[in-house]
Amino acid sequence: MTHSAARPTPLSRLVLVAALVAAAVPARAEQGPATGPDKQPKRVRGANDKRRTVRSYGTNLTHNITGVLSKGNREAFFYTAAFTVPARTWDDEVVRFFDQHPHKHFGTVGATMGGTLAIAGVTLGGFAAGRMAYADRFRAASYDVSQAVIVTQLYTQALKFAVRRERPDGSNRQSFPSGHASNAFAVAAVLAHHYGPAVDIPAFGVASFIALSRCAANRHFFSDVFAGAGIGWGMGHAVAKRNGRPPDSPSTSNERWRLALAPDGGPSGDGHGLALHVSF
């Protein structure tokens, strides 16, 4: 005995295909065109992150430069300053240690890893790759790394020219704080913020390697790299937190008050005038 009803007819196949296409139309309108008959709808790059865009890069960077020392971010810098002072008592001891136990390769490798070319390559290359990536976390992290490095270097260089501490090798007076250390810890702080405990140890391990290598190369005192590490961590954490704020949250800029005029009908509502609103 045959069961012809078990095999779908051409008409039933057509109805089934039409129903599937109709069900898929809303998903395609929201997520982009499908890449094939058996594949998921194509995902739009950066669809879930409206804050970290190329168009808003300058605005975000300006807010991060001016707002990085705002009230919510001061604790990290306070502790860095507080512990840098006692860290200076170890400066001579660390210099003597590396004089007695030279680590030439340690200093050379660390200088290369945390140097301008390496940091610029990581920053620019990561930012460019992030703009083309579909992974929102990588896009956000690469965006924040680029901004954290810029902000960190602005403050680091300003401190160098303000303090003018002589390097251990006597080459110039730009020893405090260490730019290699601040860069490395800024990058590590951003990565730890986005990826959590999975990258904490390796990221800060590499950053510590780069920071201490500057002592091995006799280019910085211990307090220089300690301060640089604290500054970098504070800047990286502040930038990642500020860039990741909800879109409708208050700005972290230095704007403390605002005046606005609005039409006002008075207590009875039948008048004509203006009301001055002050917000702070």
C-alpha atoms as a PDB file:
ATOM      1  CA  MET A   1       0.000   0.000   0.000  1.00  0.00           C
ATOM      2  CA  THR A   2       1.368   3.464  -0.894  1.00  0.00           C
ATOM      3  CA  HIS A   3       0.982   6.627   1.151  1.00  0.00           C
ATOM      4  CA  SER A   4       0.975   9.530  -1.301  1.00  0.00           C
ATOM      5  CA  ALA A   5       0.080  12.008   1.465  1.00  0.00           C
ATOM      6  CA  ALA A   6       3.473  11.470   3.148  1.00  0.00           C
ATOM      7  CA  ARG A   7       5.307  13.132   0.260  1.00  0.00           C
ATOM      8  CA  PRO A   8       4.655  16.913  -0.106  1.00  0.00           C
ATOM      9  CA  THR A   9       3.254  18.036  -3.413  1.00  0.00           C
ATOM     10  CA  PRO A  10       4.882  20.834  -5.452  1.00  0.00           C
ATOM     11  CA  LEU A  11       2.086  23.170  -4.349  1.00  0.00           C
ATOM     12  CA  SER A  12       2.668  22.452  -0.652  1.00  0.00           C
ATOM     13  CA  ARG A  13       6.401  23.026  -1.108  1.00  0.00           C
ATOM     14  CA  LEU A  14       5.677  26.420  -2.697  1.00  0.00           C
ATOM     15  CA  VAL A  15       3.386  27.415   0.185  1.00  0.00           C
ATOM     16  CA  LEU A  16       6.014  26.349   2.715  1.00  0.00           C
ATOM     17  CA  VAL A  17       8.762  28.395   1.008  1.00  0.00           C
ATOM     18  CA  ALA A  18       6.479  31.448   0.806  1.00  0.00           C
ATOM     19  CA  ALA A  19       5.703  31.178   4.521  1.00  0.00           C
ATOM     20  CA  LEU A  20       9.388  30.946   5.426  1.00  0.00           C
ATOM     21  CA  VAL A  21      10.261  33.974   3.284  1.00  0.00           C
ATOM     22  CA  ALA A  22       7.441  36.002   4.819  1.00  0.00           C
ATOM     23  CA  ALA A  23       8.621  35.100   8.325  1.00  0.00           C
ATOM     24  CA  ALA A  24      12.185  36.109   7.479  1.00  0.00           C
ATOM     25  CA  VAL A  25      11.338  39.587   6.133  1.00  0.00           C
ATOM     26  CA  PRO A  26      11.129  41.355   9.548  1.00  0.00           C
ATOM     27  CA  ALA A  27      14.444  39.861  10.626  1.00  0.00           C
ATOM     28  CA  ARG A  28      16.115  41.008   7.417  1.00  0.00           C
ATOM     29  CA  ALA A  29      14.768  44.522   7.844  1.00  0.00           C
ATOM     30  CA  GLU A  30      16.298  44.776  11.309  1.00  0.00           C
ATOM     31  CA  GLN A  31      19.547  42.876  10.910  1.00  0.00           C
ATOM     32  CA  GLY A  32      20.498  43.324   7.259  1.00  0.00           C
ATOM     33  CA  PRO A  33      20.246  41.184   4.116  1.00  0.00           C
ATOM     34  CA  ALA A  34      20.774  37.444   4.334  1.00  0.00           C
ATOM     35  CA  THR A  35      24.042  36.089   3.016  1.00  0.00           C
ATOM     36  CA  GLY A  36      22.577  32.849   1.653  1.00  0.00           C
ATOM     37  CA  PRO A  37      19.590  30.488   1.793  1.00  0.00           C
ATOM     38  CA  ASP A  38      20.960  28.528   4.761  1.00  0.00           C
ATOM     39  CA  LYS A  39      22.793  31.320   6.606  1.00  0.00           C
ATOM     40  CA  GLN A  40      21.793  33.736   9.324  1.00  0.00           C
ATOM     41  CA  PRO A  41      20.988  37.344   8.344  1.00  0.00           C
ATOM     42  CA  LYS A  42      24.106  39.428   7.941  1.00  0.00           C
ATOM     43  CA  ARG A  43      24.989  41.469  10.994  1.00  0.00           C
ATOM     44  CA  VAL A  44      25.546  45.202  10.697  1.00  0.00           C
ATOM     45  CA  ARG A  45      28.926  46.387  11.952  1.00  0.00           C
ATOM     46  CA  GLY A  46      28.680  48.235  15.262  1.00  0.00           C
ATOM     47  CA  ALA A  47      24.877  48.039  15.339  1.00  0.00           C
ATOM     48  CA  ASN A  48      24.858  47.794  19.133  1.00  0.00           C
ATOM     49  CA  ASP A  49      27.270  50.650  19.868  1.00  0.00           C
ATOM     50  CA  LYS A  50      26.053  54.141  19.014  1.00  0.00           C
ATOM     51  CA  ARG A  51      28.586  55.950  21.181  1.00  0.00           C
ATOM     52  CA  ARG A  52      31.934  54.840  19.743  1.00  0.00           C
ATOM     53  CA  THR A  53      31.729  56.068  16.156  1.00  0.00           C
ATOM     54  CA  VAL A  54      34.246  57.740  13.877  1.00  0.00           C
ATOM     55  CA  ARG A  55      31.979  60.778  13.654  1.00  0.00           C
ATOM     56  CA  SER A  56      31.933  61.209  17.437  1.00  0.00           C
ATOM     57  CA  TYR A  57      35.652  60.449  17.882  1.00  0.00           C
ATOM     58  CA  GLY A  58      36.693  64.072  18.336  1.00  0.00           C
ATOM     59  CA  THR A  59      33.862  64.828  20.740  1.00  0.00           C
ATOM     60  CA  ASN A  60      34.581  61.741  22.839  1.00  0.00           C
ATOM     61  CA  LEU A  61      38.291  62.506  22.869  1.00  0.00           C
ATOM     62  CA  THR A  62      37.688  66.091  24.016  1.00  0.00           C
ATOM     63  CA  HIS A  63      35.425  64.936  26.834  1.00  0.00           C
ATOM     64  CA  ASN A  64      37.974  62.317  27.887  1.00  0.00           C
ATOM     65  CA  ILE A  65      40.818  64.851  27.952  1.00  0.00           C
ATOM     66  CA  THR A  66      38.890  67.397  29.996  1.00  0.00           C
ATOM     67  CA  GLY A  67      36.875  64.980  32.117  1.00  0.00           C
ATOM     68  CA  VAL A  68      39.436  62.324  32.980  1.00  0.00           C
ATOM     69  CA  LEU A  69      40.186  64.082  36.271  1.00  0.00           C
ATOM     70  CA  SER A  70      36.527  64.483  37.211  1.00  0.00           C
ATOM     71  CA  LYS A  71      35.236  63.495  40.624  1.00  0.00           C
ATOM     72  CA  GLY A  72      34.551  59.853  39.790  1.00  0.00           C
ATOM     73  CA  ASN A  73      38.078  59.262  38.490  1.00  0.00           C
ATOM     74  CA  ARG A  74      40.205  61.038  41.085  1.00  0.00           C
ATOM     75  CA  GLU A  75      40.664  58.112  43.451  1.00  0.00           C
ATOM     76  CA  ALA A  76      43.112  56.248  41.203  1.00  0.00           C
ATOM     77  CA  PHE A  77      45.291  59.326  40.730  1.00  0.00           C
ATOM     78  CA  PHE A  78      45.161  60.178  44.429  1.00  0.00           C
ATOM     79  CA  TYR A  79      46.513  56.747  45.390  1.00  0.00           C
ATOM     80  CA  THR A  80      49.133  56.935  42.631  1.00  0.00           C
ATOM     81  CA  ALA A  81      50.427  60.243  43.989  1.00  0.00           C
ATOM     82  CA  ALA A  82      50.276  59.009  47.590  1.00  0.00           C
ATOM     83  CA  PHE A  83      52.319  55.866  46.936  1.00  0.00           C
ATOM     84  CA  THR A  84      54.777  57.441  44.493  1.00  0.00           C
ATOM     85  CA  VAL A  85      56.380  59.399  47.323  1.00  0.00           C
ATOM     86  CA  PRO A  86      57.401  56.315  49.385  1.00  0.00           C
ATOM     87  CA  ALA A  87      58.322  54.502  46.153  1.00  0.00           C
ATOM     88  CA  ARG A  88      61.153  57.014  45.714  1.00  0.00           C
ATOM     89  CA  THR A  89      62.962  55.409  48.665  1.00  0.00           C
ATOM     90  CA  TRP A  90      63.590  52.367  46.423  1.00  0.00           C
ATOM     91  CA  ASP A  91      65.014  54.356  43.505  1.00  0.00           C
ATOM     92  CA  ASP A  92      68.685  54.047  44.421  1.00  0.00           C
ATOM     93  CA  GLU A  93      68.339  50.417  45.462  1.00  0.00           C
ATOM     94  CA  VAL A  94      66.761  49.428  42.129  1.00  0.00           C
ATOM     95  CA  VAL A  95      69.437  51.318  40.210  1.00  0.00           C
ATOM     96  CA  ARG A  96      72.183  49.505  42.152  1.00  0.00           C
ATOM     97  CA  PHE A  97      70.507  46.135  41.580  1.00  0.00           C
ATOM     98  CA  PHE A  98      70.502  46.507  37.800  1.00  0.00           C
ATOM     99  CA  ASP A  99      74.040  47.905  37.879  1.00  0.00           C
ATOM    100  CA  GLN A 100      75.167  44.737  39.648  1.00  0.00           C
ATOM    101  CA  HIS A 101      72.894  42.424  37.636  1.00  0.00           C
ATOM    102  CA  PRO A 102      72.768  43.778  34.070  1.00  0.00           C
ATOM    103  CA  HIS A 103      69.790  42.648  31.979  1.00  0.00           C
ATOM    104  CA  LYS A 104      70.547  44.137  28.596  1.00  0.00           C
ATOM    105  CA  HIS A 105      68.073  42.008  26.631  1.00  0.00           C
ATOM    106  CA  PHE A 106      65.347  42.667  29.194  1.00  0.00           C
ATOM    107  CA  GLY A 107      65.752  46.396  28.708  1.00  0.00           C
ATOM    108  CA  THR A 108      65.954  46.175  24.926  1.00  0.00           C
ATOM    109  CA  VAL A 109      62.894  43.947  24.514  1.00  0.00           C
ATOM    110  CA  GLY A 110      60.805  46.062  26.870  1.00  0.00           C
ATOM    111  CA  ALA A 111      61.840  49.269  25.153  1.00  0.00           C
ATOM    112  CA  THR A 112      60.770  47.839  21.796  1.00  0.00           C
ATOM    113  CA  MET A 113      57.462  46.442  23.062  1.00  0.00           C
ATOM    114  CA  GLY A 114      56.450  49.705  24.730  1.00  0.00           C
ATOM    115  CA  GLY A 115      58.084  52.065  22.245  1.00  0.00           C
ATOM    116  CA  THR A 116      56.385  54.651  20.075  1.00  0.00           C
ATOM    117  CA  LEU A 117      56.337  52.485  16.942  1.00  0.00           C
ATOM    118  CA  ALA A 118      54.879  49.470  18.740  1.00  0.00           C
ATOM    119  CA  ILE A 119      52.203  51.450  20.575  1.00  0.00           C
ATOM    120  CA  ALA A 120      51.301  53.394  17.431  1.00  0.00           C
ATOM    121  CA  GLY A 121      51.049  50.146  15.481  1.00  0.00           C
ATOM    122  CA  VAL A 122      48.824  48.522  18.089  1.00  0.00           C
ATOM    123  CA  THR A 123      46.668  51.631  18.419  1.00  0.00           C
ATOM    124  CA  LEU A 124      46.198  52.458  14.728  1.00  0.00           C
ATOM    125  CA  GLY A 125      46.109  48.853  13.561  1.00  0.00           C
ATOM    126  CA  GLY A 126      43.646  47.852  16.260  1.00  0.00           C
ATOM    127  CA  PHE A 127      41.418  50.847  15.544  1.00  0.00           C
ATOM    128  CA  ALA A 128      41.362  50.119  11.805  1.00  0.00           C
ATOM    129  CA  ALA A 129      40.644  46.427  12.401  1.00  0.00           C
ATOM    130  CA  GLY A 130      37.927  47.328  14.898  1.00  0.00           C
ATOM    131  CA  ARG A 131      36.115  49.501  12.359  1.00  0.00           C
ATOM    132  CA  MET A 132      35.887  46.507  10.001  1.00  0.00           C
ATOM    133  CA  ALA A 133      35.019  43.915  12.666  1.00  0.00           C
ATOM    134  CA  TYR A 134      31.567  42.626  13.534  1.00  0.00           C
ATOM    135  CA  ALA A 135      32.459  41.806  17.160  1.00  0.00           C
ATOM    136  CA  ASP A 136      31.105  44.702  19.225  1.00  0.00           C
ATOM    137  CA  ARG A 137      33.455  44.036  22.126  1.00  0.00           C
ATOM    138  CA  PHE A 138      36.559  44.199  19.932  1.00  0.00           C
ATOM    139  CA  ARG A 139      35.259  47.334  18.193  1.00  0.00           C
ATOM    140  CA  ALA A 140      34.685  49.035  21.537  1.00  0.00           C
ATOM    141  CA  ALA A 141      38.028  47.914  23.010  1.00  0.00           C
ATOM    142  CA  SER A 142      40.075  49.057  19.991  1.00  0.00           C
ATOM    143  CA  TYR A 143      38.260  52.412  20.010  1.00  0.00           C
ATOM    144  CA  ASP A 144      38.928  52.934  23.712  1.00  0.00           C
ATOM    145  CA  VAL A 145      42.577  51.845  23.435  1.00  0.00           C
ATOM    146  CA  SER A 146      43.237  54.513  20.811  1.00  0.00           C
ATOM    147  CA  GLN A 147      41.662  57.237  22.936  1.00  0.00           C
ATOM    148  CA  ALA A 148      43.277  56.056  26.176  1.00  0.00           C
ATOM    149  CA  VAL A 149      46.755  56.138  24.610  1.00  0.00           C
ATOM    150  CA  ILE A 150      46.246  59.681  23.288  1.00  0.00           C
ATOM    151  CA  VAL A 151      44.885  61.003  26.595  1.00  0.00           C
ATOM    152  CA  THR A 152      47.578  59.225  28.611  1.00  0.00           C
ATOM    153  CA  GLN A 153      50.396  60.592  26.497  1.00  0.00           C
ATOM    154  CA  LEU A 154      49.080  64.158  26.693  1.00  0.00           C
ATOM    155  CA  TYR A 155      49.172  64.086  30.491  1.00  0.00           C
ATOM    156  CA  THR A 156      52.407  62.081  30.637  1.00  0.00           C
ATOM    157  CA  GLN A 157      54.293  64.494  28.397  1.00  0.00           C
ATOM    158  CA  ALA A 158      52.879  67.485  30.278  1.00  0.00           C
ATOM    159  CA  LEU A 159      54.191  66.042  33.548  1.00  0.00           C
ATOM    160  CA  LYS A 160      57.584  65.271  32.008  1.00  0.00           C
ATOM    161  CA  PHE A 161      58.118  68.887  30.963  1.00  0.00           C
ATOM    162  CA  ALA A 162      56.680  70.213  34.228  1.00  0.00           C
ATOM    163  CA  VAL A 163      58.748  68.023  36.591  1.00  0.00           C
ATOM    164  CA  ARG A 164      61.927  67.806  34.460  1.00  0.00           C
ATOM    165  CA  ARG A 165      63.516  65.014  36.472  1.00  0.00           C
ATOM    166  CA  GLU A 166      66.890  63.824  35.187  1.00  0.00           C
ATOM    167  CA  ARG A 167      67.102  60.243  33.962  1.00  0.00           C
ATOM    168  CA  PRO A 168      69.390  57.770  35.768  1.00  0.00           C
ATOM    169  CA  ASP A 169      71.722  57.691  32.755  1.00  0.00           C
ATOM    170  CA  GLY A 170      71.809  61.498  32.611  1.00  0.00           C
ATOM    171  CA  SER A 171      70.639  61.624  28.976  1.00  0.00           C
ATOM    172  CA  ASN A 172      67.893  64.247  29.521  1.00  0.00           C
ATOM    173  CA  ARG A 173      65.426  65.621  32.063  1.00  0.00           C
ATOM    174  CA  GLN A 174      62.279  63.728  31.041  1.00  0.00           C
ATOM    175  CA  SER A 175      62.408  60.841  33.473  1.00  0.00           C
ATOM    176  CA  PHE A 176      59.168  61.354  35.424  1.00  0.00           C
ATOM    177  CA  PRO A 177      56.819  59.666  34.707  1.00  0.00           C
ATOM    178  CA  SER A 178      57.629  56.744  32.431  1.00  0.00           C
ATOM    179  CA  GLY A 179      55.813  56.979  29.102  1.00  0.00           C
ATOM    180  CA  HIS A 180      56.403  53.285  28.370  1.00  0.00           C
ATOM    181  CA  ALA A 181      54.770  52.337  31.673  1.00  0.00           C
ATOM    182  CA  SER A 182      51.806  54.689  31.269  1.00  0.00           C
ATOM    183  CA  ASN A 183      51.112  53.478  27.717  1.00  0.00           C
ATOM    184  CA  ALA A 184      51.343  49.816  28.661  1.00  0.00           C
ATOM    185  CA  PHE A 185      49.063  50.108  31.677  1.00  0.00           C
ATOM    186  CA  ALA A 186      46.537  52.259  29.814  1.00  0.00           C
ATOM    187  CA  VAL A 187      46.176  49.542  27.166  1.00  0.00           C
ATOM    188  CA  ALA A 188      46.011  46.826  29.838  1.00  0.00           C
ATOM    189  CA  ALA A 189      43.322  48.702  31.778  1.00  0.00           C
ATOM    190  CA  VAL A 190      41.121  49.057  28.702  1.00  0.00           C
ATOM    191  CA  LEU A 191      41.497  45.383  27.767  1.00  0.00           C
ATOM    192  CA  ALA A 192      40.746  44.299  31.337  1.00  0.00           C
ATOM    193  CA  HIS A 193      37.661  46.536  31.398  1.00  0.00           C
ATOM    194  CA  HIS A 194      36.241  44.955  28.240  1.00  0.00           C
ATOM    195  CA  TYR A 195      37.370  41.336  28.582  1.00  0.00           C
ATOM    196  CA  GLY A 196      37.397  40.898  32.356  1.00  0.00           C
ATOM    197  CA  PRO A 197      39.429  38.391  34.411  1.00  0.00           C
ATOM    198  CA  ALA A 198      40.346  36.340  31.335  1.00  0.00           C
ATOM    199  CA  VAL A 199      42.922  38.940  30.289  1.00  0.00           C
ATOM    200  CA  ASP A 200      43.748  40.616  33.607  1.00  0.00           C
ATOM    201  CA  ILE A 201      46.851  38.568  34.398  1.00  0.00           C
ATOM    202  CA  PRO A 202      48.404  38.447  30.898  1.00  0.00           C
ATOM    203  CA  ALA A 203      47.624  42.102  30.120  1.00  0.00           C
ATOM    204  CA  PHE A 204      49.009  43.503  33.360  1.00  0.00           C
ATOM    205  CA  GLY A 205      51.849  40.968  33.284  1.00  0.00           C
ATOM    206  CA  VAL A 206      53.030  42.317  29.924  1.00  0.00           C
ATOM    207  CA  ALA A 207      52.532  45.882  31.139  1.00  0.00           C
ATOM    208  CA  SER A 208      54.641  45.189  34.251  1.00  0.00           C
ATOM    209  CA  PHE A 209      57.360  43.611  32.093  1.00  0.00           C
ATOM    210  CA  ILE A 210      57.515  46.740  29.919  1.00  0.00           C
ATOM    211  CA  ALA A 211      57.511  49.067  32.940  1.00  0.00           C
ATOM    212  CA  LEU A 212      60.316  47.283  34.831  1.00  0.00           C
ATOM    213  CA  SER A 213      62.382  46.963  31.662  1.00  0.00           C
ATOM    214  CA  ARG A 214      62.835  50.728  31.784  1.00  0.00           C
ATOM    215  CA  CYS A 215      64.683  50.324  35.080  1.00  0.00           C
ATOM    216  CA  ALA A 216      66.781  47.542  33.576  1.00  0.00           C
ATOM    217  CA  ALA A 217      67.689  49.857  30.681  1.00  0.00           C
ATOM    218  CA  ASN A 218      68.722  52.561  33.211  1.00  0.00           C
ATOM    219  CA  ARG A 219      66.270  54.980  31.629  1.00  0.00           C
ATOM    220  CA  HIS A 220      63.942  55.399  34.600  1.00  0.00           C
ATOM    221  CA  PHE A 221      63.886  55.239  38.362  1.00  0.00           C
ATOM    222  CA  PHE A 222      61.492  52.880  40.096  1.00  0.00           C
ATOM    223  CA  SER A 223      59.192  55.741  41.154  1.00  0.00           C
ATOM    224  CA  ASP A 224      59.011  56.875  37.512  1.00  0.00           C
ATOM    225  CA  VAL A 225      57.597  53.569  36.333  1.00  0.00           C
ATOM    226  CA  PHE A 226      55.372  53.260  39.412  1.00  0.00           C
ATOM    227  CA  ALA A 227      53.805  56.653  38.716  1.00  0.00           C
ATOM    228  CA  GLY A 228      53.527  55.896  35.003  1.00  0.00           C
ATOM    229  CA  ALA A 229      51.748  52.621  35.749  1.00  0.00           C
ATOM    230  CA  GLY A 230      49.244  54.337  38.049  1.00  0.00           C
ATOM    231  CA  ILE A 231      48.593  57.155  35.583  1.00  0.00           C
ATOM    232  CA  GLY A 232      48.119  54.731  32.698  1.00  0.00           C
ATOM    233  CA  TRP A 233      45.761  52.502  34.659  1.00  0.00           C
ATOM    234  CA  GLY A 234      43.694  55.478  35.824  1.00  0.00           C
ATOM    235  CA  MET A 235      43.480  56.997  32.336  1.00  0.00           C
ATOM    236  CA  GLY A 236      42.592  53.711  30.637  1.00  0.00           C
ATOM    237  CA  HIS A 237      39.918  52.895  33.195  1.00  0.00           C
ATOM    238  CA  ALA A 238      38.421  56.400  33.025  1.00  0.00           C
ATOM    239  CA  VAL A 239      38.276  56.444  29.210  1.00  0.00           C
ATOM    240  CA  ALA A 240      36.690  52.996  28.922  1.00  0.00           C
ATOM    241  CA  LYS A 241      34.120  53.849  31.602  1.00  0.00           C
ATOM    242  CA  ARG A 242      33.237  57.204  30.070  1.00  0.00           C
ATOM    243  CA  ASN A 243      32.963  55.890  26.494  1.00  0.00           C
ATOM    244  CA  GLY A 244      30.765  53.043  27.693  1.00  0.00           C
ATOM    245  CA  ARG A 245      28.235  55.256  29.461  1.00  0.00           C
ATOM    246  CA  PRO A 246      24.531  54.937  28.527  1.00  0.00           C
ATOM    247  CA  PRO A 247      23.634  57.290  25.660  1.00  0.00           C
ATOM    248  CA  ASP A 248      21.261  59.325  27.838  1.00  0.00           C
ATOM    249  CA  SER A 249      23.562  59.667  30.852  1.00  0.00           C
ATOM    250  CA  PRO A 250      24.846  63.110  31.858  1.00  0.00           C
ATOM    251  CA  SER A 251      28.040  64.267  30.212  1.00  0.00           C
ATOM    252  CA  THR A 252      31.283  63.973  32.144  1.00  0.00           C
ATOM    253  CA  SER A 253      32.539  67.316  30.872  1.00  0.00           C
ATOM    254  CA  ASN A 254      33.451  70.180  33.145  1.00  0.00           C
ATOM    255  CA  GLU A 255      30.142  71.945  32.497  1.00  0.00           C
ATOM    256  CA  ARG A 256      28.726  72.601  35.975  1.00  0.00           C
ATOM    257  CA  TRP A 257      25.757  74.896  35.303  1.00  0.00           C
ATOM    258  CA  ARG A 258      23.471  76.034  32.500  1.00  0.00           C
ATOM    259  CA  LEU A 259      20.997  78.870  31.918  1.00  0.00           C
ATOM    260  CA  ALA A 260      17.895  78.549  29.766  1.00  0.00           C
ATOM    261  CA  LEU A 261      14.934  80.805  28.915  1.00  0.00           C
ATOM    262  CA  ALA A 262      11.499  79.319  28.291  1.00  0.00           C
ATOM    263  CA  PRO A 263       7.986  80.760  27.765  1.00  0.00           C
ATOM    264  CA  ASP A 264       6.044  81.044  31.030  1.00  0.00           C
ATOM    265  CA  GLY A 265       2.389  81.830  31.549  1.00  0.00           C
ATOM    266  CA  GLY A 266       2.779  82.741  35.203  1.00  0.00           C
ATOM    267  CA  PRO A 267       1.027  81.154  38.222  1.00  0.00           C
ATOM    268  CA  SER A 268      -2.404  81.364  36.640  1.00  0.00           C
ATOM    269  CA  GLY A 269      -1.253  80.233  33.218  1.00  0.00           C
ATOM    270  CA  ASP A 270      -2.868  83.123  31.319  1.00  0.00           C
ATOM    271  CA  GLY A 271       0.093  85.479  31.227  1.00  0.00           C
ATOM    272  CA  HIS A 272       2.855  86.056  28.716  1.00  0.00           C
ATOM    273  CA  GLY A 273       6.485  86.082  29.739  1.00  0.00           C
ATOM    274  CA  LEU A 274       9.760  84.231  30.063  1.00  0.00           C
ATOM    275  CA  ALA A 275      11.154  82.085  32.866  1.00  0.00           C
ATOM    276  CA  LEU A 276      14.857  81.684  33.608  1.00  0.00           C
ATOM    277  CA  HIS A 277      15.843  78.085  34.436  1.00  0.00           C
ATOM    278  CA  VAL A 278      19.175  77.394  36.112  1.00  0.00           C
ATOM    279  CA  SER A 279      20.546  73.832  36.259  1.00  0.00           C
ATOM    280  CA  PHE A 280      23.812  72.713  37.862  1.00  0.00           C
END
